[in-house]
């Protein structure tokens, strides 16, 4: 029905409808992008909630912080954080592993004897406590979207998934396989460099971090 209505009324009608029920999604989607507009409207009709409420909280915050003309750049910087952060973790972790291995067992106040592998966890974890405190410096943005009341029962959503089970199954399996490959590469490449090429952990971490920051970012 939505497809036929769009044929009669035009894609501008879809964009106006989405603007009423999900302003945040309407700002992100191009007014002529019929497919994405329909998808966002279908999510709202099936769940009674805007599409943006199904995203991670960070994505929702970014959509409220930045105007539409700057939103793509903000999302790009956010996406790069995955690879830059992972690369820095390898770089810093490699350096810490090398330092801890050379220092051996050390004695820390209130903790006592700490072995090299434990030193790595302490050194990597402490900065996280400081960074986590920065959450208090983030101001609450003015929300540009609004919560909607449910329009359809949950059974409608279940029937929709059942009717499109092949698409959902392919989507789920595909992302699961992709995630397994990426996590396997991230976890085992340094080990491969150590076992097969005789590198030490510090060098392997630095090389892996450099590759992640450069090739990973270029791929995005």
C-alpha atoms as a PDB file:
ATOM      1  CA  UNK A   1       0.000   0.000   0.000  1.00  0.00           C
ATOM      2  CA  UNK A   2       2.800   2.419   0.831  1.00  0.00           C
ATOM      3  CA  UNK A   3       4.463   1.739  -2.510  1.00  0.00           C
ATOM      4  CA  UNK A   4       1.252   2.410  -4.426  1.00  0.00           C
ATOM      5  CA  UNK A   5       0.574   5.573  -2.426  1.00  0.00           C
ATOM      6  CA  UNK A   6       4.085   6.807  -3.230  1.00  0.00           C
ATOM      7  CA  UNK A   7       3.421   6.193  -6.924  1.00  0.00           C
ATOM      8  CA  UNK A   8       0.311   8.367  -6.751  1.00  0.00           C
ATOM      9  CA  UNK A   9       1.543  11.153  -4.478  1.00  0.00           C
ATOM     10  CA  UNK A  10       5.258  11.257  -5.211  1.00  0.00           C
ATOM     11  CA  UNK A  11       8.430  10.860  -3.183  1.00  0.00           C
ATOM     12  CA  UNK A  12       8.019  14.333  -1.668  1.00  0.00           C
ATOM     13  CA  UNK A  13       4.930  13.028   0.136  1.00  0.00           C
ATOM     14  CA  UNK A  14       7.019  10.241   1.657  1.00  0.00           C
ATOM     15  CA  UNK A  15       9.566  12.740   2.920  1.00  0.00           C
ATOM     16  CA  UNK A  16       6.870  14.948   4.461  1.00  0.00           C
ATOM     17  CA  UNK A  17       5.358  11.920   6.199  1.00  0.00           C
ATOM     18  CA  UNK A  18       8.714  10.842   7.578  1.00  0.00           C
ATOM     19  CA  UNK A  19       9.402  14.390   8.759  1.00  0.00           C
ATOM     20  CA  UNK A  20       6.236  14.240  10.875  1.00  0.00           C
ATOM     21  CA  UNK A  21       6.915  10.881  12.531  1.00  0.00           C
ATOM     22  CA  UNK A  22      10.746  10.737  12.553  1.00  0.00           C
ATOM     23  CA  UNK A  23      12.389  14.141  11.977  1.00  0.00           C
ATOM     24  CA  UNK A  24      15.904  12.842  12.730  1.00  0.00           C
ATOM     25  CA  UNK A  25      15.717  10.203   9.987  1.00  0.00           C
ATOM     26  CA  UNK A  26      14.153  12.706   7.576  1.00  0.00           C
ATOM     27  CA  UNK A  27      17.155  15.003   8.036  1.00  0.00           C
ATOM     28  CA  UNK A  28      19.613  12.213   7.255  1.00  0.00           C
ATOM     29  CA  UNK A  29      17.829  10.754   4.222  1.00  0.00           C
ATOM     30  CA  UNK A  30      17.869  12.594   0.924  1.00  0.00           C
ATOM     31  CA  UNK A  31      14.350  13.800  -0.038  1.00  0.00           C
ATOM     32  CA  UNK A  32      14.525  11.870  -3.338  1.00  0.00           C
ATOM     33  CA  UNK A  33      15.754   8.598  -1.832  1.00  0.00           C
ATOM     34  CA  UNK A  34      12.483   6.704  -2.132  1.00  0.00           C
ATOM     35  CA  UNK A  35      13.823   3.336  -0.966  1.00  0.00           C
ATOM     36  CA  UNK A  36      15.316   4.591   2.293  1.00  0.00           C
ATOM     37  CA  UNK A  37      12.327   6.811   2.998  1.00  0.00           C
ATOM     38  CA  UNK A  38       9.978   3.856   2.645  1.00  0.00           C
ATOM     39  CA  UNK A  39      12.185   1.688   4.837  1.00  0.00           C
ATOM     40  CA  UNK A  40      12.178   4.267   7.634  1.00  0.00           C
ATOM     41  CA  UNK A  41       8.405   4.695   7.400  1.00  0.00           C
ATOM     42  CA  UNK A  42       7.882   0.919   7.446  1.00  0.00           C
ATOM     43  CA  UNK A  43       9.952   0.639  10.628  1.00  0.00           C
ATOM     44  CA  UNK A  44       7.770   3.284  12.246  1.00  0.00           C
ATOM     45  CA  UNK A  45       4.544   1.609  11.127  1.00  0.00           C
ATOM     46  CA  UNK A  46       5.637  -1.830  12.315  1.00  0.00           C
ATOM     47  CA  UNK A  47       7.174  -0.884  15.655  1.00  0.00           C
ATOM     48  CA  UNK A  48       5.494   2.413  16.499  1.00  0.00           C
ATOM     49  CA  UNK A  49       8.930   3.907  17.097  1.00  0.00           C
ATOM     50  CA  UNK A  50      11.104   6.103  14.875  1.00  0.00           C
ATOM     51  CA  UNK A  51      13.997   4.422  13.100  1.00  0.00           C
ATOM     52  CA  UNK A  52      16.491   6.476  15.091  1.00  0.00           C
ATOM     53  CA  UNK A  53      15.283   4.904  18.338  1.00  0.00           C
ATOM     54  CA  UNK A  54      16.531   1.549  17.080  1.00  0.00           C
ATOM     55  CA  UNK A  55      20.074   2.849  16.585  1.00  0.00           C
ATOM     56  CA  UNK A  56      22.845   3.034  19.137  1.00  0.00           C
ATOM     57  CA  UNK A  57      22.609   5.969  21.535  1.00  0.00           C
ATOM     58  CA  UNK A  58      25.769   7.494  20.048  1.00  0.00           C
ATOM     59  CA  UNK A  59      24.243   7.680  16.585  1.00  0.00           C
ATOM     60  CA  UNK A  60      21.138   9.310  18.000  1.00  0.00           C
ATOM     61  CA  UNK A  61      23.241  11.889  19.863  1.00  0.00           C
ATOM     62  CA  UNK A  62      25.235  12.731  16.732  1.00  0.00           C
ATOM     63  CA  UNK A  63      22.019  13.239  14.774  1.00  0.00           C
ATOM     64  CA  UNK A  64      20.865  15.742  17.414  1.00  0.00           C
ATOM     65  CA  UNK A  65      24.207  17.527  17.762  1.00  0.00           C
ATOM     66  CA  UNK A  66      24.885  18.307  14.112  1.00  0.00           C
ATOM     67  CA  UNK A  67      22.785  19.941  11.388  1.00  0.00           C
ATOM     68  CA  UNK A  68      22.002  17.895   8.315  1.00  0.00           C
ATOM     69  CA  UNK A  69      24.711  19.458   6.135  1.00  0.00           C
ATOM     70  CA  UNK A  70      27.419  18.427   8.644  1.00  0.00           C
ATOM     71  CA  UNK A  71      25.974  15.087   9.693  1.00  0.00           C
ATOM     72  CA  UNK A  72      27.797  12.935   7.117  1.00  0.00           C
ATOM     73  CA  UNK A  73      31.188  14.287   8.214  1.00  0.00           C
ATOM     74  CA  UNK A  74      30.345  13.731  11.885  1.00  0.00           C
ATOM     75  CA  UNK A  75      29.297  10.133  11.187  1.00  0.00           C
ATOM     76  CA  UNK A  76      32.495   9.573   9.186  1.00  0.00           C
ATOM     77  CA  UNK A  77      34.665  10.735  12.074  1.00  0.00           C
ATOM     78  CA  UNK A  78      32.663   8.524  14.434  1.00  0.00           C
ATOM     79  CA  UNK A  79      33.123   5.500  12.145  1.00  0.00           C
ATOM     80  CA  UNK A  80      36.857   6.129  11.862  1.00  0.00           C
ATOM     81  CA  UNK A  81      37.106   5.891  15.639  1.00  0.00           C
ATOM     82  CA  UNK A  82      36.699   2.110  15.429  1.00  0.00           C
ATOM     83  CA  UNK A  83      39.836   1.672  13.338  1.00  0.00           C
ATOM     84  CA  UNK A  84      41.874   4.480  14.863  1.00  0.00           C
ATOM     85  CA  UNK A  85      41.020   3.291  18.363  1.00  0.00           C
ATOM     86  CA  UNK A  86      41.825  -0.338  17.553  1.00  0.00           C
ATOM     87  CA  UNK A  87      45.086   0.678  15.887  1.00  0.00           C
ATOM     88  CA  UNK A  88      46.141   2.785  18.853  1.00  0.00           C
ATOM     89  CA  UNK A  89      45.282  -0.101  21.168  1.00  0.00           C
ATOM     90  CA  UNK A  90      47.670  -2.348  19.218  1.00  0.00           C
ATOM     91  CA  UNK A  91      50.382   0.320  19.074  1.00  0.00           C
ATOM     92  CA  UNK A  92      50.209   1.237  22.745  1.00  0.00           C
ATOM     93  CA  UNK A  93      49.578  -2.346  23.777  1.00  0.00           C
ATOM     94  CA  UNK A  94      52.627  -3.515  21.814  1.00  0.00           C
ATOM     95  CA  UNK A  95      54.792  -0.917  23.485  1.00  0.00           C
ATOM     96  CA  UNK A  96      53.420  -1.794  26.945  1.00  0.00           C
ATOM     97  CA  UNK A  97      53.964  -5.533  26.332  1.00  0.00           C
ATOM     98  CA  UNK A  98      57.566  -4.887  25.332  1.00  0.00           C
ATOM     99  CA  UNK A  99      58.160  -2.691  28.370  1.00  0.00           C
ATOM    100  CA  UNK A 100      56.458  -5.087  30.786  1.00  0.00           C
ATOM    101  CA  UNK A 101      58.351  -8.095  29.451  1.00  0.00           C
ATOM    102  CA  UNK A 102      61.656  -6.296  29.908  1.00  0.00           C
ATOM    103  CA  UNK A 103      60.764  -5.073  33.400  1.00  0.00           C
ATOM    104  CA  UNK A 104      59.567  -8.461  34.613  1.00  0.00           C
ATOM    105  CA  UNK A 105      57.594  -8.729  37.845  1.00  0.00           C
ATOM    106  CA  UNK A 106      57.092  -5.367  39.557  1.00  0.00           C
ATOM    107  CA  UNK A 107      55.632  -4.337  42.897  1.00  0.00           C
ATOM    108  CA  UNK A 108      52.856  -1.728  42.812  1.00  0.00           C
ATOM    109  CA  UNK A 109      51.504   0.131  45.867  1.00  0.00           C
ATOM    110  CA  UNK A 110      48.326  -1.421  47.301  1.00  0.00           C
ATOM    111  CA  UNK A 111      48.520  -4.212  44.727  1.00  0.00           C
ATOM    112  CA  UNK A 112      51.776  -6.009  45.406  1.00  0.00           C
ATOM    113  CA  UNK A 113      53.627  -8.212  42.935  1.00  0.00           C
ATOM    114  CA  UNK A 114      52.392  -7.821  39.375  1.00  0.00           C
ATOM    115  CA  UNK A 115      53.524 -10.109  36.574  1.00  0.00           C
ATOM    116  CA  UNK A 116      54.165  -8.745  33.046  1.00  0.00           C
ATOM    117  CA  UNK A 117      50.823  -9.885  31.643  1.00  0.00           C
ATOM    118  CA  UNK A 118      49.055  -8.254  34.599  1.00  0.00           C
ATOM    119  CA  UNK A 119      51.016  -5.035  34.097  1.00  0.00           C
ATOM    120  CA  UNK A 120      49.605  -4.808  30.584  1.00  0.00           C
ATOM    121  CA  UNK A 121      46.022  -4.936  31.885  1.00  0.00           C
ATOM    122  CA  UNK A 122      46.733  -2.278  34.529  1.00  0.00           C
ATOM    123  CA  UNK A 123      48.514   0.056  32.100  1.00  0.00           C
ATOM    124  CA  UNK A 124      45.831  -0.256  29.439  1.00  0.00           C
ATOM    125  CA  UNK A 125      42.889  -0.067  31.856  1.00  0.00           C
ATOM    126  CA  UNK A 126      43.880   3.012  33.861  1.00  0.00           C
ATOM    127  CA  UNK A 127      43.548   5.499  30.966  1.00  0.00           C
ATOM    128  CA  UNK A 128      40.071   4.101  30.337  1.00  0.00           C
ATOM    129  CA  UNK A 129      38.973   5.240  33.792  1.00  0.00           C
ATOM    130  CA  UNK A 130      40.109   8.778  32.997  1.00  0.00           C
ATOM    131  CA  UNK A 131      38.478   8.782  29.571  1.00  0.00           C
ATOM    132  CA  UNK A 132      35.230   7.438  31.020  1.00  0.00           C
ATOM    133  CA  UNK A 133      35.054  10.494  33.296  1.00  0.00           C
ATOM    134  CA  UNK A 134      34.793  12.687  30.188  1.00  0.00           C
ATOM    135  CA  UNK A 135      31.186  11.523  29.844  1.00  0.00           C
ATOM    136  CA  UNK A 136      30.287  14.199  32.394  1.00  0.00           C
ATOM    137  CA  UNK A 137      31.576  16.867  29.981  1.00  0.00           C
ATOM    138  CA  UNK A 138      29.055  15.866  27.295  1.00  0.00           C
ATOM    139  CA  UNK A 139      26.036  18.130  27.322  1.00  0.00           C
ATOM    140  CA  UNK A 140      22.578  16.817  26.608  1.00  0.00           C
ATOM    141  CA  UNK A 141      21.548  18.001  23.129  1.00  0.00           C
ATOM    142  CA  UNK A 142      18.150  19.349  22.274  1.00  0.00           C
ATOM    143  CA  UNK A 143      16.204  16.421  20.893  1.00  0.00           C
ATOM    144  CA  UNK A 144      15.011  17.019  17.355  1.00  0.00           C
ATOM    145  CA  UNK A 145      12.871  13.915  17.159  1.00  0.00           C
ATOM    146  CA  UNK A 146       9.992  12.848  19.335  1.00  0.00           C
ATOM    147  CA  UNK A 147       8.855   9.611  20.843  1.00  0.00           C
ATOM    148  CA  UNK A 148       5.869   8.073  19.131  1.00  0.00           C
ATOM    149  CA  UNK A 149       3.101   5.944  20.536  1.00  0.00           C
ATOM    150  CA  UNK A 150       2.950   2.359  19.323  1.00  0.00           C
ATOM    151  CA  UNK A 151       0.653   2.014  16.346  1.00  0.00           C
ATOM    152  CA  UNK A 152       0.872  -1.714  15.667  1.00  0.00           C
ATOM    153  CA  UNK A 153       0.945  -4.772  17.963  1.00  0.00           C
ATOM    154  CA  UNK A 154       4.145  -6.775  18.227  1.00  0.00           C
ATOM    155  CA  UNK A 155       2.496  -9.660  16.390  1.00  0.00           C
ATOM    156  CA  UNK A 156       2.526  -7.541  13.213  1.00  0.00           C
ATOM    157  CA  UNK A 157       6.287  -7.239  13.493  1.00  0.00           C
ATOM    158  CA  UNK A 158       6.648 -11.002  13.982  1.00  0.00           C
ATOM    159  CA  UNK A 159       4.531 -11.698  10.916  1.00  0.00           C
ATOM    160  CA  UNK A 160       6.632  -9.286   8.881  1.00  0.00           C
ATOM    161  CA  UNK A 161       9.851 -11.034   9.936  1.00  0.00           C
ATOM    162  CA  UNK A 162       8.325 -14.441   9.172  1.00  0.00           C
ATOM    163  CA  UNK A 163       7.263 -13.260   5.726  1.00  0.00           C
ATOM    164  CA  UNK A 164      10.811 -12.044   5.035  1.00  0.00           C
ATOM    165  CA  UNK A 165      12.679 -14.779   6.875  1.00  0.00           C
ATOM    166  CA  UNK A 166      15.107 -15.454   4.016  1.00  0.00           C
ATOM    167  CA  UNK A 167      16.228 -11.838   3.955  1.00  0.00           C
ATOM    168  CA  UNK A 168      16.597 -11.678   7.736  1.00  0.00           C
ATOM    169  CA  UNK A 169      18.427 -15.019   7.867  1.00  0.00           C
ATOM    170  CA  UNK A 170      20.833 -13.986   5.107  1.00  0.00           C
ATOM    171  CA  UNK A 171      21.453 -10.652   6.788  1.00  0.00           C
ATOM    172  CA  UNK A 172      22.117 -12.249  10.184  1.00  0.00           C
ATOM    173  CA  UNK A 173      24.348 -15.036   8.898  1.00  0.00           C
ATOM    174  CA  UNK A 174      26.268 -12.665   6.629  1.00  0.00           C
ATOM    175  CA  UNK A 175      27.098 -10.217   9.400  1.00  0.00           C
ATOM    176  CA  UNK A 176      27.926 -13.069  11.796  1.00  0.00           C
ATOM    177  CA  UNK A 177      30.435 -14.542   9.336  1.00  0.00           C
ATOM    178  CA  UNK A 178      31.893 -11.109   8.606  1.00  0.00           C
ATOM    179  CA  UNK A 179      32.271 -10.423  12.313  1.00  0.00           C
ATOM    180  CA  UNK A 180      33.885 -13.814  12.933  1.00  0.00           C
ATOM    181  CA  UNK A 181      36.456 -13.159  10.195  1.00  0.00           C
ATOM    182  CA  UNK A 182      37.274  -9.662  11.456  1.00  0.00           C
ATOM    183  CA  UNK A 183      37.596 -10.728  15.079  1.00  0.00           C
ATOM    184  CA  UNK A 184      39.728 -13.718  14.091  1.00  0.00           C
ATOM    185  CA  UNK A 185      42.081 -11.508  12.095  1.00  0.00           C
ATOM    186  CA  UNK A 186      42.309  -8.950  14.880  1.00  0.00           C
ATOM    187  CA  UNK A 187      43.000 -11.590  17.520  1.00  0.00           C
ATOM    188  CA  UNK A 188      45.332 -13.931  15.673  1.00  0.00           C
ATOM    189  CA  UNK A 189      47.484 -11.850  13.302  1.00  0.00           C
ATOM    190  CA  UNK A 190      49.826 -10.729  16.125  1.00  0.00           C
ATOM    191  CA  UNK A 191      50.053 -14.334  17.326  1.00  0.00           C
ATOM    192  CA  UNK A 192      50.846 -15.481  13.783  1.00  0.00           C
ATOM    193  CA  UNK A 193      53.631 -12.918  13.524  1.00  0.00           C
ATOM    194  CA  UNK A 194      55.087 -14.148  16.814  1.00  0.00           C
ATOM    195  CA  UNK A 195      54.816 -17.889  16.162  1.00  0.00           C
ATOM    196  CA  UNK A 196      55.551 -18.056  12.442  1.00  0.00           C
ATOM    197  CA  UNK A 197      58.052 -15.217  12.011  1.00  0.00           C
ATOM    198  CA  UNK A 198      59.728 -15.090  15.407  1.00  0.00           C
ATOM    199  CA  UNK A 199      58.715 -11.514  16.203  1.00  0.00           C
ATOM    200  CA  UNK A 200      58.284 -10.387  19.776  1.00  0.00           C
ATOM    201  CA  UNK A 201      54.871  -9.254  21.029  1.00  0.00           C
ATOM    202  CA  UNK A 202      55.820  -5.575  21.049  1.00  0.00           C
ATOM    203  CA  UNK A 203      56.859  -5.523  17.385  1.00  0.00           C
ATOM    204  CA  UNK A 204      53.810  -7.528  16.325  1.00  0.00           C
ATOM    205  CA  UNK A 205      51.464  -5.137  18.123  1.00  0.00           C
ATOM    206  CA  UNK A 206      53.103  -2.056  16.616  1.00  0.00           C
ATOM    207  CA  UNK A 207      52.908  -3.457  13.076  1.00  0.00           C
ATOM    208  CA  UNK A 208      49.310  -4.591  13.515  1.00  0.00           C
ATOM    209  CA  UNK A 209      48.369  -1.200  14.938  1.00  0.00           C
ATOM    210  CA  UNK A 210      50.018   0.636  12.048  1.00  0.00           C
ATOM    211  CA  UNK A 211      48.174  -1.532   9.518  1.00  0.00           C
ATOM    212  CA  UNK A 212      44.844  -1.015  11.272  1.00  0.00           C
ATOM    213  CA  UNK A 213      45.178   2.763  11.402  1.00  0.00           C
ATOM    214  CA  UNK A 214      46.301   3.107   7.777  1.00  0.00           C
ATOM    215  CA  UNK A 215      44.668   0.316   5.766  1.00  0.00           C
ATOM    216  CA  UNK A 216      41.604   0.136   7.981  1.00  0.00           C
ATOM    217  CA  UNK A 217      40.945   3.868   7.679  1.00  0.00           C
ATOM    218  CA  UNK A 218      41.606   3.830   3.919  1.00  0.00           C
ATOM    219  CA  UNK A 219      39.072   1.032   3.534  1.00  0.00           C
ATOM    220  CA  UNK A 220      36.397   3.084   5.273  1.00  0.00           C
END
